[in-house]
Amino acid sequence: MAKRIVIAAGGWIRNPSLLKSIVTKDDFIIAADGGLVHLEEAGFHPNILIGDLDSLEEKERQKVGERGIRILAHSKEKDDTDTELAIQHALSIDPEEILVVGGIGDRLDHTLSNVGLLLYGLKQRKNEGSKNFPMVVLICNEILMIVGSDYGT
């Protein structure tokens, strides 16, 4: 079981160096498609790349393959966002915490979806009997934490 999973989405990360102060060597890192660019700007490589890969250029996809990073590629014709696929995968690993960076951005539909995904994750954990399961979204240079507990989400 991974203690903490960091998911890099393709939204805003105003200061990539902020990732260096948040992400640790012990974190399991998932890039949700275009979130790969944010990770690379901060000097990190993901354990897994998930999504339809439509936000990445061919040379970026080749670099991922050369580094031996596991790719979970999905069809462009899908109902879930890349970040949703990443959160679903993260939940299947059963972490203590999920940190989503770049979850807020120019696309309002993705931003609202990502806020909803926090609640989805919390409800999944509550249904599994978890007493406390923090999920965090990094919004630009500020942190919003939504914590679920026995007393409601």
Protein backbone atom coordinates (compact mmCIF):
# COMPACT_ATOMS: atom_id res chain seq x y z
CA MET A 1 0.00 0.00 0.00
CA ALA A 2 1.31 3.43 -0.93
CA LYS A 3 1.26 5.86 1.97
CA ARG A 4 0.58 8.88 -0.25
CA ILE A 5 -0.20 9.15 -3.92
CA VAL A 6 0.44 12.39 -5.77
CA ILE A 7 -1.60 12.93 -8.93
CA ALA A 8 -0.43 15.65 -11.30
CA ALA A 9 -3.28 16.91 -13.47
CA GLY A 10 -2.98 19.31 -16.39
CA GLY A 11 -4.45 22.40 -14.72
CA TRP A 12 -2.69 25.38 -13.20
CA ILE A 13 0.52 25.05 -11.28
CA ARG A 14 1.78 28.62 -11.12
CA ASN A 15 5.04 27.78 -9.40
CA PRO A 16 6.56 24.40 -10.35
CA SER A 17 9.16 24.79 -7.60
CA LEU A 18 6.28 24.53 -5.12
CA LEU A 19 5.99 20.87 -6.14
CA LYS A 20 9.54 20.35 -4.88
CA SER A 21 8.48 21.41 -1.41
CA ILE A 22 5.38 19.18 -1.43
CA VAL A 23 6.33 15.97 -3.26
CA THR A 24 8.70 13.56 -1.48
CA LYS A 25 10.80 10.64 -2.67
CA ASP A 26 8.43 8.28 -0.84
CA ASP A 27 5.37 9.42 -2.80
CA PHE A 28 3.87 7.26 -5.52
CA ILE A 29 3.39 9.66 -8.44
CA ILE A 30 0.71 9.44 -11.13
CA ALA A 31 0.67 11.80 -14.11
CA ALA A 32 -2.81 12.37 -15.52
CA ASP A 33 -1.97 13.06 -19.17
CA GLY A 34 -0.77 16.70 -19.40
CA GLY A 35 0.21 16.69 -15.72
CA LEU A 36 3.39 15.00 -16.93
CA VAL A 37 4.66 18.39 -18.12
CA HIS A 38 4.26 19.91 -14.63
CA LEU A 39 6.14 17.01 -13.08
CA GLU A 40 9.01 17.27 -15.54
CA GLU A 41 9.27 21.04 -15.02
CA ALA A 42 9.75 20.34 -11.31
CA GLY A 43 12.24 17.52 -11.95
CA PHE A 44 9.96 14.56 -11.12
CA HIS A 45 9.11 11.44 -13.09
CA PRO A 46 5.83 9.62 -12.48
CA ASN A 47 5.50 5.97 -11.60
CA ILE A 48 2.50 5.78 -13.95
CA LEU A 49 1.12 7.92 -16.78
CA ILE A 50 -2.66 7.61 -17.19
CA GLY A 51 -5.02 9.06 -19.79
CA ASP A 52 -5.76 9.35 -23.46
CA LEU A 53 -2.40 11.13 -23.96
CA ASP A 54 -3.95 13.78 -26.19
CA SER A 55 -2.19 16.59 -24.30
CA LEU A 56 1.29 15.19 -24.98
CA GLU A 57 3.40 15.53 -28.09
CA GLU A 58 4.87 12.42 -29.67
CA LYS A 59 8.39 13.17 -28.37
CA GLU A 60 7.03 13.45 -24.80
CA ARG A 61 5.32 10.07 -25.15
CA GLN A 62 8.57 8.56 -26.48
CA LYS A 63 10.55 9.94 -23.51
CA VAL A 64 8.09 8.27 -21.14
CA GLY A 65 8.57 4.95 -22.90
CA GLU A 66 12.35 5.30 -22.84
CA ARG A 67 12.31 5.92 -19.08
CA GLY A 68 10.33 2.73 -18.51
CA ILE A 69 7.39 4.56 -16.97
CA ARG A 70 4.24 2.44 -16.95
CA ILE A 71 1.57 3.83 -19.29
CA LEU A 72 -2.14 3.14 -18.84
CA ALA A 73 -3.42 4.52 -22.14
CA HIS A 74 -7.14 5.04 -22.69
CA SER A 75 -9.21 5.82 -25.75
CA LYS A 76 -9.94 9.46 -26.55
CA GLU A 77 -13.58 8.38 -26.73
CA LYS A 78 -14.25 8.00 -23.00
CA ASP A 79 -16.67 9.28 -20.38
CA ASP A 80 -14.08 9.92 -17.63
CA THR A 81 -11.52 12.72 -17.49
CA ASP A 82 -7.85 11.76 -17.26
CA THR A 83 -7.80 12.97 -13.65
CA GLU A 84 -10.82 10.82 -12.83
CA LEU A 85 -9.04 7.79 -14.28
CA ALA A 86 -5.99 8.64 -12.15
CA ILE A 87 -8.06 8.96 -8.96
CA GLN A 88 -9.84 5.68 -9.67
CA HIS A 89 -6.47 4.00 -10.11
CA ALA A 90 -5.10 5.64 -6.96
CA LEU A 91 -8.08 4.42 -4.92
CA SER A 92 -7.44 0.87 -6.17
CA ILE A 93 -3.94 1.07 -4.61
CA ASP A 94 -5.51 1.93 -1.22
CA PRO A 95 -3.34 4.88 -0.14
CA GLU A 96 -3.57 6.76 3.13
CA GLU A 97 -3.71 10.06 1.26
CA ILE A 98 -4.16 11.38 -2.27
CA LEU A 99 -2.71 14.75 -3.22
CA VAL A 100 -3.98 16.22 -6.50
CA VAL A 101 -1.90 19.03 -7.99
CA GLY A 102 -2.97 20.97 -11.06
CA GLY A 103 -6.61 20.06 -10.46
CA ILE A 104 -7.88 23.57 -11.14
CA GLY A 105 -7.43 25.29 -14.48
CA ASP A 106 -8.83 27.03 -17.53
CA ARG A 107 -11.51 24.42 -18.19
CA LEU A 108 -14.39 24.98 -15.81
CA ASP A 109 -15.86 21.55 -16.61
CA HIS A 110 -12.62 19.84 -15.52
CA THR A 111 -12.27 22.07 -12.45
CA LEU A 112 -15.80 21.25 -11.26
CA SER A 113 -15.27 17.59 -12.07
CA ASN A 114 -12.10 17.52 -9.96
CA VAL A 115 -13.87 19.07 -6.96
CA GLY A 116 -16.57 16.43 -7.38
CA LEU A 117 -13.89 13.75 -7.56
CA LEU A 118 -12.72 14.71 -4.09
CA LEU A 119 -16.17 13.94 -2.76
CA TYR A 120 -16.30 10.74 -4.82
CA GLY A 121 -13.02 9.58 -3.28
CA LEU A 122 -14.14 10.41 0.22
CA LYS A 123 -17.45 8.60 -0.22
CA GLN A 124 -15.65 5.54 -1.65
CA ARG A 125 -13.43 5.40 1.43
CA LYS A 126 -16.34 5.97 3.81
CA ASN A 127 -18.27 3.13 2.14
CA GLU A 128 -15.20 0.93 2.71
CA GLY A 129 -15.29 1.75 6.42
CA SER A 130 -12.38 4.18 6.52
CA LYS A 131 -12.50 6.49 9.56
CA ASN A 132 -10.40 9.30 8.13
CA PHE A 133 -9.06 9.80 4.64
CA PRO A 134 -7.58 13.14 3.59
CA MET A 135 -7.52 14.21 -0.03
CA VAL A 136 -5.88 17.48 -0.98
CA VAL A 137 -6.11 19.65 -4.07
CA LEU A 138 -3.43 22.20 -4.78
CA ILE A 139 -4.99 25.32 -6.28
CA CYS A 140 -2.25 27.42 -7.88
CA ASN A 141 -0.22 28.42 -4.83
CA GLU A 142 -2.81 27.66 -2.15
CA ILE A 143 -3.97 24.38 -0.64
CA LEU A 144 -7.57 23.32 -0.12
CA MET A 145 -8.05 20.24 2.06
CA ILE A 146 -11.26 18.27 2.25
CA VAL A 147 -11.19 15.58 4.92
CA GLY A 148 -13.79 12.86 5.35
CA SER A 149 -14.51 11.28 8.70
CA ASP A 150 -17.11 9.21 10.53
CA TYR A 151 -19.21 12.32 10.93
CA GLY A 152 -19.91 12.96 7.29
CA THR A 153 -18.39 14.16 4.09
